[in-house]
Every structure is written in C-alpha cells, then in structure tokens.
Amino acid sequence: MSWHEWALGGVLVSPFLVAALVALLLTVGLRLLLRLTGLGRWIWHEALFDLALFVIVLGGVVAAMGRL
C-alpha cells in the first residue's frame, strides 16, 4: 500500500486515517480479549492503558503498511 491519498467520491482520504481505524479495531479486539481472559483486572488505569495500547498498535499498523 502506498502512502498517497485516496480519492473517494472526490474527497481525498489520508492513508493515516485508514491506519488509525484499523488500529482502533485491533485495540478494541485486544481489550475485549483481555477482559474475557481475566487479565483486564490487573490494569490499574484503564484510560491510560487504552491510550498506550492504541499508540503501540498504531505504530505496528503504520510499520506494516510501510512494508507493503
């Protein structure tokens, strides 16, 4: 995938927006998995953990997109 804007109906969409949406979906899935396995109870500050997890996943998604 290239890092050029995509034209959807005459509107330019940034590939970073797509990466952020993919990272958000992955983060929600990981949080659900943590909650279902019981590991979520060890999280002290949930909002801070969610933000950190999103940033880590976003970095991974952007790195993966750069290799394509």
PDB file of N, CA and C in Angstrom:
ATOM      1  N   MET A   1       0.846  -1.158   0.000  1.00  0.00           N
ATOM      2  CA  MET A   1       0.000   0.000   0.000  1.00  0.00           C
ATOM      3  C   MET A   1       0.901   1.234   0.000  1.00  0.00           C
ATOM      4  N   SER A   2       0.572   2.166  -0.838  1.00  0.00           N
ATOM      5  CA  SER A   2       1.374   3.375  -0.907  1.00  0.00           C
ATOM      6  C   SER A   2       0.807   4.427   0.048  1.00  0.00           C
ATOM      7  N   TRP A   3       1.622   5.391   0.355  1.00  0.00           N
ATOM      8  CA  TRP A   3       1.219   6.448   1.272  1.00  0.00           C
ATOM      9  C   TRP A   3       0.693   7.664   0.529  1.00  0.00           C
ATOM     10  N   HIS A   4      -0.081   7.436  -0.523  1.00  0.00           N
ATOM     11  CA  HIS A   4      -0.707   8.526  -1.262  1.00  0.00           C
ATOM     12  C   HIS A   4      -2.175   8.596  -0.878  1.00  0.00           C
ATOM     13  N   GLU A   5      -2.720   9.797  -0.981  1.00  0.00           N
ATOM     14  CA  GLU A   5      -4.136   9.969  -0.648  1.00  0.00           C
ATOM     15  C   GLU A   5      -5.010   9.192  -1.627  1.00  0.00           C
ATOM     16  N   TRP A   6      -6.152   8.754  -1.133  1.00  0.00           N
ATOM     17  CA  TRP A   6      -7.112   8.049  -1.970  1.00  0.00           C
ATOM     18  C   TRP A   6      -8.275   8.988  -2.228  1.00  0.00           C
ATOM     19  N   ALA A   7      -8.767   8.959  -3.457  1.00  0.00           N
ATOM     20  CA  ALA A   7      -9.923   9.781  -3.811  1.00  0.00           C
ATOM     21  C   ALA A   7     -11.184   8.925  -3.731  1.00  0.00           C
ATOM     22  N   LEU A   8     -12.057   9.265  -2.806  1.00  0.00           N
ATOM     23  CA  LEU A   8     -13.333   8.569  -2.645  1.00  0.00           C
ATOM     24  C   LEU A   8     -14.453   9.573  -2.886  1.00  0.00           C
ATOM     25  N   GLY A   9     -15.022   9.526  -4.068  1.00  0.00           N
ATOM     26  CA  GLY A   9     -16.101  10.441  -4.397  1.00  0.00           C
ATOM     27  C   GLY A   9     -15.649  11.892  -4.446  1.00  0.00           C
ATOM     28  N   GLY A  10     -14.424  12.126  -4.840  1.00  0.00           N
ATOM     29  CA  GLY A  10     -13.895  13.481  -4.914  1.00  0.00           C
ATOM     30  C   GLY A  10     -13.304  13.982  -3.612  1.00  0.00           C
ATOM     31  N   VAL A  11     -13.330  13.159  -2.573  1.00  0.00           N
ATOM     32  CA  VAL A  11     -12.768  13.540  -1.280  1.00  0.00           C
ATOM     33  C   VAL A  11     -11.472  12.776  -1.082  1.00  0.00           C
ATOM     34  N   LEU A  12     -10.409  13.503  -0.758  1.00  0.00           N
ATOM     35  CA  LEU A  12      -9.125  12.854  -0.517  1.00  0.00           C
ATOM     36  C   LEU A  12      -9.085  12.301   0.905  1.00  0.00           C
ATOM     37  N   VAL A  13      -8.755  11.026   1.026  1.00  0.00           N
ATOM     38  CA  VAL A  13      -8.695  10.351   2.324  1.00  0.00           C
ATOM     39  C   VAL A  13      -7.246   9.984   2.601  1.00  0.00           C
ATOM     40  N   SER A  14      -6.767  10.394   3.743  1.00  0.00           N
ATOM     41  CA  SER A  14      -5.396  10.119   4.133  1.00  0.00           C
ATOM     42  C   SER A  14      -5.234   8.644   4.494  1.00  0.00           C
ATOM     43  N   PRO A  15      -4.121   8.027   4.094  1.00  0.00           N
ATOM     44  CA  PRO A  15      -3.903   6.635   4.495  1.00  0.00           C
ATOM     45  C   PRO A  15      -3.675   6.495   6.005  1.00  0.00           C
ATOM     46  N   PHE A  16      -3.278   7.585   6.662  1.00  0.00           N
ATOM     47  CA  PHE A  16      -3.121   7.534   8.115  1.00  0.00           C
ATOM     48  C   PHE A  16      -4.470   7.349   8.800  1.00  0.00           C
ATOM     49  N   LEU A  17      -5.519   7.902   8.213  1.00  0.00           N
ATOM     50  CA  LEU A  17      -6.861   7.704   8.750  1.00  0.00           C
ATOM     51  C   LEU A  17      -7.255   6.235   8.682  1.00  0.00           C
ATOM     52  N   VAL A  18      -6.923   5.587   7.581  1.00  0.00           N
ATOM     53  CA  VAL A  18      -7.208   4.153   7.437  1.00  0.00           C
ATOM     54  C   VAL A  18      -6.408   3.361   8.468  1.00  0.00           C
ATOM     55  N   ALA A  19      -5.140   3.724   8.646  1.00  0.00           N
ATOM     56  CA  ALA A  19      -4.298   3.041   9.639  1.00  0.00           C
ATOM     57  C   ALA A  19      -4.857   3.236  11.047  1.00  0.00           C
ATOM     58  N   ALA A  20      -5.331   4.433  11.352  1.00  0.00           N
ATOM     59  CA  ALA A  20      -5.898   4.706  12.670  1.00  0.00           C
ATOM     60  C   ALA A  20      -7.178   3.906  12.902  1.00  0.00           C
ATOM     61  N   LEU A  21      -8.004   3.770  11.880  1.00  0.00           N
ATOM     62  CA  LEU A  21      -9.229   2.979  12.027  1.00  0.00           C
ATOM     63  C   LEU A  21      -8.926   1.499  12.224  1.00  0.00           C
ATOM     64  N   VAL A  22      -7.944   0.980  11.483  1.00  0.00           N
ATOM     65  CA  VAL A  22      -7.536  -0.422  11.655  1.00  0.00           C
ATOM     66  C   VAL A  22      -6.971  -0.623  13.064  1.00  0.00           C
ATOM     67  N   ALA A  23      -6.149   0.324  13.513  1.00  0.00           N
ATOM     68  CA  ALA A  23      -5.572   0.226  14.860  1.00  0.00           C
ATOM     69  C   ALA A  23      -6.651   0.297  15.930  1.00  0.00           C
ATOM     70  N   LEU A  24      -7.665   1.115  15.700  1.00  0.00           N
ATOM     71  CA  LEU A  24      -8.758   1.207  16.666  1.00  0.00           C
ATOM     72  C   LEU A  24      -9.517  -0.112  16.764  1.00  0.00           C
ATOM     73  N   LEU A  25      -9.793  -0.729  15.634  1.00  0.00           N
ATOM     74  CA  LEU A  25     -10.479  -2.023  15.644  1.00  0.00           C
ATOM     75  C   LEU A  25      -9.635  -3.095  16.331  1.00  0.00           C
ATOM     76  N   LEU A  26      -8.337  -3.105  16.058  1.00  0.00           N
ATOM     77  CA  LEU A  26      -7.458  -4.076  16.706  1.00  0.00           C
ATOM     78  C   LEU A  26      -7.368  -3.828  18.207  1.00  0.00           C
ATOM     79  N   THR A  27      -7.337  -2.575  18.605  1.00  0.00           N
ATOM     80  CA  THR A  27      -7.267  -2.231  20.027  1.00  0.00           C
ATOM     81  C   THR A  27      -8.530  -2.675  20.758  1.00  0.00           C
ATOM     82  N   VAL A  28      -9.674  -2.448  20.141  1.00  0.00           N
ATOM     83  CA  VAL A  28     -10.939  -2.880  20.752  1.00  0.00           C
ATOM     84  C   VAL A  28     -10.956  -4.405  20.883  1.00  0.00           C
ATOM     85  N   GLY A  29     -10.480  -5.093  19.867  1.00  0.00           N
ATOM     86  CA  GLY A  29     -10.414  -6.549  19.936  1.00  0.00           C
ATOM     87  C   GLY A  29      -9.471  -7.038  21.031  1.00  0.00           C
ATOM     88  N   LEU A  30      -8.321  -6.393  21.164  1.00  0.00           N
ATOM     89  CA  LEU A  30      -7.376  -6.784  22.215  1.00  0.00           C
ATOM     90  C   LEU A  30      -7.938  -6.513  23.604  1.00  0.00           C
ATOM     91  N   ARG A  31      -8.625  -5.372  23.773  1.00  0.00           N
ATOM     92  CA  ARG A  31      -9.216  -5.072  25.078  1.00  0.00           C
ATOM     93  C   ARG A  31     -10.312  -6.069  25.434  1.00  0.00           C
ATOM     94  N   LEU A  32     -11.092  -6.467  24.433  1.00  0.00           N
ATOM     95  CA  LEU A  32     -12.125  -7.469  24.669  1.00  0.00           C
ATOM     96  C   LEU A  32     -11.494  -8.800  25.057  1.00  0.00           C
ATOM     97  N   LEU A  33     -10.421  -9.153  24.389  1.00  0.00           N
ATOM     98  CA  LEU A  33      -9.706 -10.380  24.714  1.00  0.00           C
ATOM     99  C   LEU A  33      -9.131 -10.330  26.130  1.00  0.00           C
ATOM    100  N   LEU A  34      -8.571  -9.193  26.514  1.00  0.00           N
ATOM    101  CA  LEU A  34      -8.041  -9.049  27.876  1.00  0.00           C
ATOM    102  C   LEU A  34      -9.155  -9.166  28.913  1.00  0.00           C
ATOM    103  N   ARG A  35     -10.300  -8.597  28.602  1.00  0.00           N
ATOM    104  CA  ARG A  35     -11.412  -8.654  29.548  1.00  0.00           C
ATOM    105  C   ARG A  35     -11.966 -10.068  29.679  1.00  0.00           C
ATOM    106  N   LEU A  36     -12.038 -10.787  28.546  1.00  0.00           N
ATOM    107  CA  LEU A  36     -12.587 -12.143  28.579  1.00  0.00           C
ATOM    108  C   LEU A  36     -11.660 -13.133  29.275  1.00  0.00           C
ATOM    109  N   THR A  37     -10.356 -12.924  29.174  1.00  0.00           N
ATOM    110  CA  THR A  37      -9.409 -13.833  29.810  1.00  0.00           C
ATOM    111  C   THR A  37      -9.169 -13.513  31.278  1.00  0.00           C
ATOM    112  N   GLY A  38      -9.678 -12.386  31.741  1.00  0.00           N
ATOM    113  CA  GLY A  38      -9.491 -12.022  33.140  1.00  0.00           C
ATOM    114  C   GLY A  38      -8.236 -11.221  33.403  1.00  0.00           C
ATOM    115  N   LEU A  39      -7.447 -10.970  32.386  1.00  0.00           N
ATOM    116  CA  LEU A  39      -6.223 -10.192  32.580  1.00  0.00           C
ATOM    117  C   LEU A  39      -6.513  -8.699  32.713  1.00  0.00           C
ATOM    118  N   GLY A  40      -7.715  -8.293  32.344  1.00  0.00           N
ATOM    119  CA  GLY A  40      -8.085  -6.890  32.450  1.00  0.00           C
ATOM    120  C   GLY A  40      -8.169  -6.392  33.879  1.00  0.00           C
ATOM    121  N   ARG A  41      -8.323  -7.282  34.826  1.00  0.00           N
ATOM    122  CA  ARG A  41      -8.418  -6.852  36.223  1.00  0.00           C
ATOM    123  C   ARG A  41      -7.085  -6.383  36.778  1.00  0.00           C
ATOM    124  N   TRP A  42      -5.984  -6.680  36.094  1.00  0.00           N
ATOM    125  CA  TRP A  42      -4.663  -6.250  36.536  1.00  0.00           C
ATOM    126  C   TRP A  42      -4.302  -4.859  36.021  1.00  0.00           C
ATOM    127  N   ILE A  43      -5.159  -4.267  35.236  1.00  0.00           N
ATOM    128  CA  ILE A  43      -4.897  -2.934  34.685  1.00  0.00           C
ATOM    129  C   ILE A  43      -5.273  -1.889  35.725  1.00  0.00           C
ATOM    130  N   TRP A  44      -4.305  -1.046  36.055  1.00  0.00           N
ATOM    131  CA  TRP A  44      -4.519  -0.062  37.109  1.00  0.00           C
ATOM    132  C   TRP A  44      -5.316   1.134  36.598  1.00  0.00           C
ATOM    133  N   HIS A  45      -4.889   1.738  35.499  1.00  0.00           N
ATOM    134  CA  HIS A  45      -5.526   2.931  34.950  1.00  0.00           C
ATOM    135  C   HIS A  45      -5.980   2.599  33.532  1.00  0.00           C
ATOM    136  N   GLU A  46      -7.255   2.285  33.388  1.00  0.00           N
ATOM    137  CA  GLU A  46      -7.751   1.757  32.111  1.00  0.00           C
ATOM    138  C   GLU A  46      -7.623   2.750  30.964  1.00  0.00           C
ATOM    139  N   ALA A  47      -7.909   4.016  31.196  1.00  0.00           N
ATOM    140  CA  ALA A  47      -7.834   5.003  30.116  1.00  0.00           C
ATOM    141  C   ALA A  47      -6.392   5.168  29.631  1.00  0.00           C
ATOM    142  N   LEU A  48      -5.464   5.215  30.545  1.00  0.00           N
ATOM    143  CA  LEU A  48      -4.053   5.339  30.176  1.00  0.00           C
ATOM    144  C   LEU A  48      -3.575   4.086  29.446  1.00  0.00           C
ATOM    145  N   PHE A  49      -4.013   2.933  29.906  1.00  0.00           N
ATOM    146  CA  PHE A  49      -3.654   1.680  29.240  1.00  0.00           C
ATOM    147  C   PHE A  49      -4.235   1.629  27.832  1.00  0.00           C
ATOM    148  N   ASP A  50      -5.484   2.061  27.680  1.00  0.00           N
ATOM    149  CA  ASP A  50      -6.115   2.067  26.357  1.00  0.00           C
ATOM    150  C   ASP A  50      -5.361   2.976  25.391  1.00  0.00           C
ATOM    151  N   LEU A  51      -4.964   4.143  25.856  1.00  0.00           N
ATOM    152  CA  LEU A  51      -4.218   5.067  25.008  1.00  0.00           C
ATOM    153  C   LEU A  51      -2.874   4.477  24.612  1.00  0.00           C
ATOM    154  N   ALA A  52      -2.158   3.913  25.580  1.00  0.00           N
ATOM    155  CA  ALA A  52      -0.853   3.323  25.290  1.00  0.00           C
ATOM    156  C   ALA A  52      -0.975   2.139  24.338  1.00  0.00           C
ATOM    157  N   LEU A  53      -1.985   1.317  24.539  1.00  0.00           N
ATOM    158  CA  LEU A  53      -2.201   0.171  23.653  1.00  0.00           C
ATOM    159  C   LEU A  53      -2.527   0.639  22.239  1.00  0.00           C
ATOM    160  N   PHE A  54      -3.345   1.686  22.117  1.00  0.00           N
ATOM    161  CA  PHE A  54      -3.677   2.216  20.802  1.00  0.00           C
ATOM    162  C   PHE A  54      -2.443   2.759  20.094  1.00  0.00           C
ATOM    163  N   VAL A  55      -1.597   3.475  20.809  1.00  0.00           N
ATOM    164  CA  VAL A  55      -0.384   4.037  20.205  1.00  0.00           C
ATOM    165  C   VAL A  55       0.552   2.927  19.746  1.00  0.00           C
ATOM    166  N   ILE A  56       0.695   1.888  20.540  1.00  0.00           N
ATOM    167  CA  ILE A  56       1.559   0.763  20.166  1.00  0.00           C
ATOM    168  C   ILE A  56       1.004   0.044  18.942  1.00  0.00           C
ATOM    169  N   VAL A  57      -0.290  -0.211  18.942  1.00  0.00           N
ATOM    170  CA  VAL A  57      -0.912  -0.895  17.800  1.00  0.00           C
ATOM    171  C   VAL A  57      -0.851  -0.013  16.557  1.00  0.00           C
ATOM    172  N   LEU A  58      -1.076   1.285  16.710  1.00  0.00           N
ATOM    173  CA  LEU A  58      -0.994   2.204  15.566  1.00  0.00           C
ATOM    174  C   LEU A  58       0.410   2.208  14.977  1.00  0.00           C
ATOM    175  N   GLY A  59       1.419   2.208  15.823  1.00  0.00           N
ATOM    176  CA  GLY A  59       2.788   2.139  15.334  1.00  0.00           C
ATOM    177  C   GLY A  59       3.048   0.862  14.567  1.00  0.00           C
ATOM    178  N   GLY A  60       2.516  -0.240  15.040  1.00  0.00           N
ATOM    179  CA  GLY A  60       2.668  -1.506  14.330  1.00  0.00           C
ATOM    180  C   GLY A  60       1.946  -1.521  12.996  1.00  0.00           C
ATOM    181  N   VAL A  61       0.758  -0.946  12.963  1.00  0.00           N
ATOM    182  CA  VAL A  61      -0.011  -0.888  11.714  1.00  0.00           C
ATOM    183  C   VAL A  61       0.691   0.002  10.704  1.00  0.00           C
ATOM    184  N   VAL A  62       1.187   1.151  11.139  1.00  0.00           N
ATOM    185  CA  VAL A  62       1.893   2.047  10.223  1.00  0.00           C
ATOM    186  C   VAL A  62       3.168   1.397   9.707  1.00  0.00           C
ATOM    187  N   ALA A  63       3.887   0.699  10.581  1.00  0.00           N
ATOM    188  CA  ALA A  63       5.096  -0.002  10.141  1.00  0.00           C
ATOM    189  C   ALA A  63       4.768  -1.104   9.147  1.00  0.00           C
ATOM    190  N   ALA A  64       3.667  -1.804   9.395  1.00  0.00           N
ATOM    191  CA  ALA A  64       3.269  -2.859   8.465  1.00  0.00           C
ATOM    192  C   ALA A  64       2.823  -2.274   7.131  1.00  0.00           C
ATOM    193  N   MET A  65       2.151  -1.152   7.148  1.00  0.00           N
ATOM    194  CA  MET A  65       1.729  -0.509   5.905  1.00  0.00           C
ATOM    195  C   MET A  65       2.929   0.000   5.117  1.00  0.00           C
ATOM    196  N   GLY A  66       3.961   0.405   5.812  1.00  0.00           N
ATOM    197  CA  GLY A  66       5.154   0.898   5.128  1.00  0.00           C
ATOM    198  C   GLY A  66       5.920  -0.179   4.408  1.00  0.00           C
ATOM    199  N   ARG A  67       5.759  -1.419   4.844  1.00  0.00           N
ATOM    200  CA  ARG A  67       6.474  -2.531   4.215  1.00  0.00           C
ATOM    201  C   ARG A  67       5.748  -3.094   3.013  1.00  0.00           C
ATOM    202  N   LEU A  68       4.483  -2.743   2.855  1.00  0.00           N
ATOM    203  CA  LEU A  68       3.710  -3.265   1.719  1.00  0.00           C
ATOM    204  C   LEU A  68       4.031  -2.519   0.449  1.00  0.00           C
TER     205      LEU A  68
END
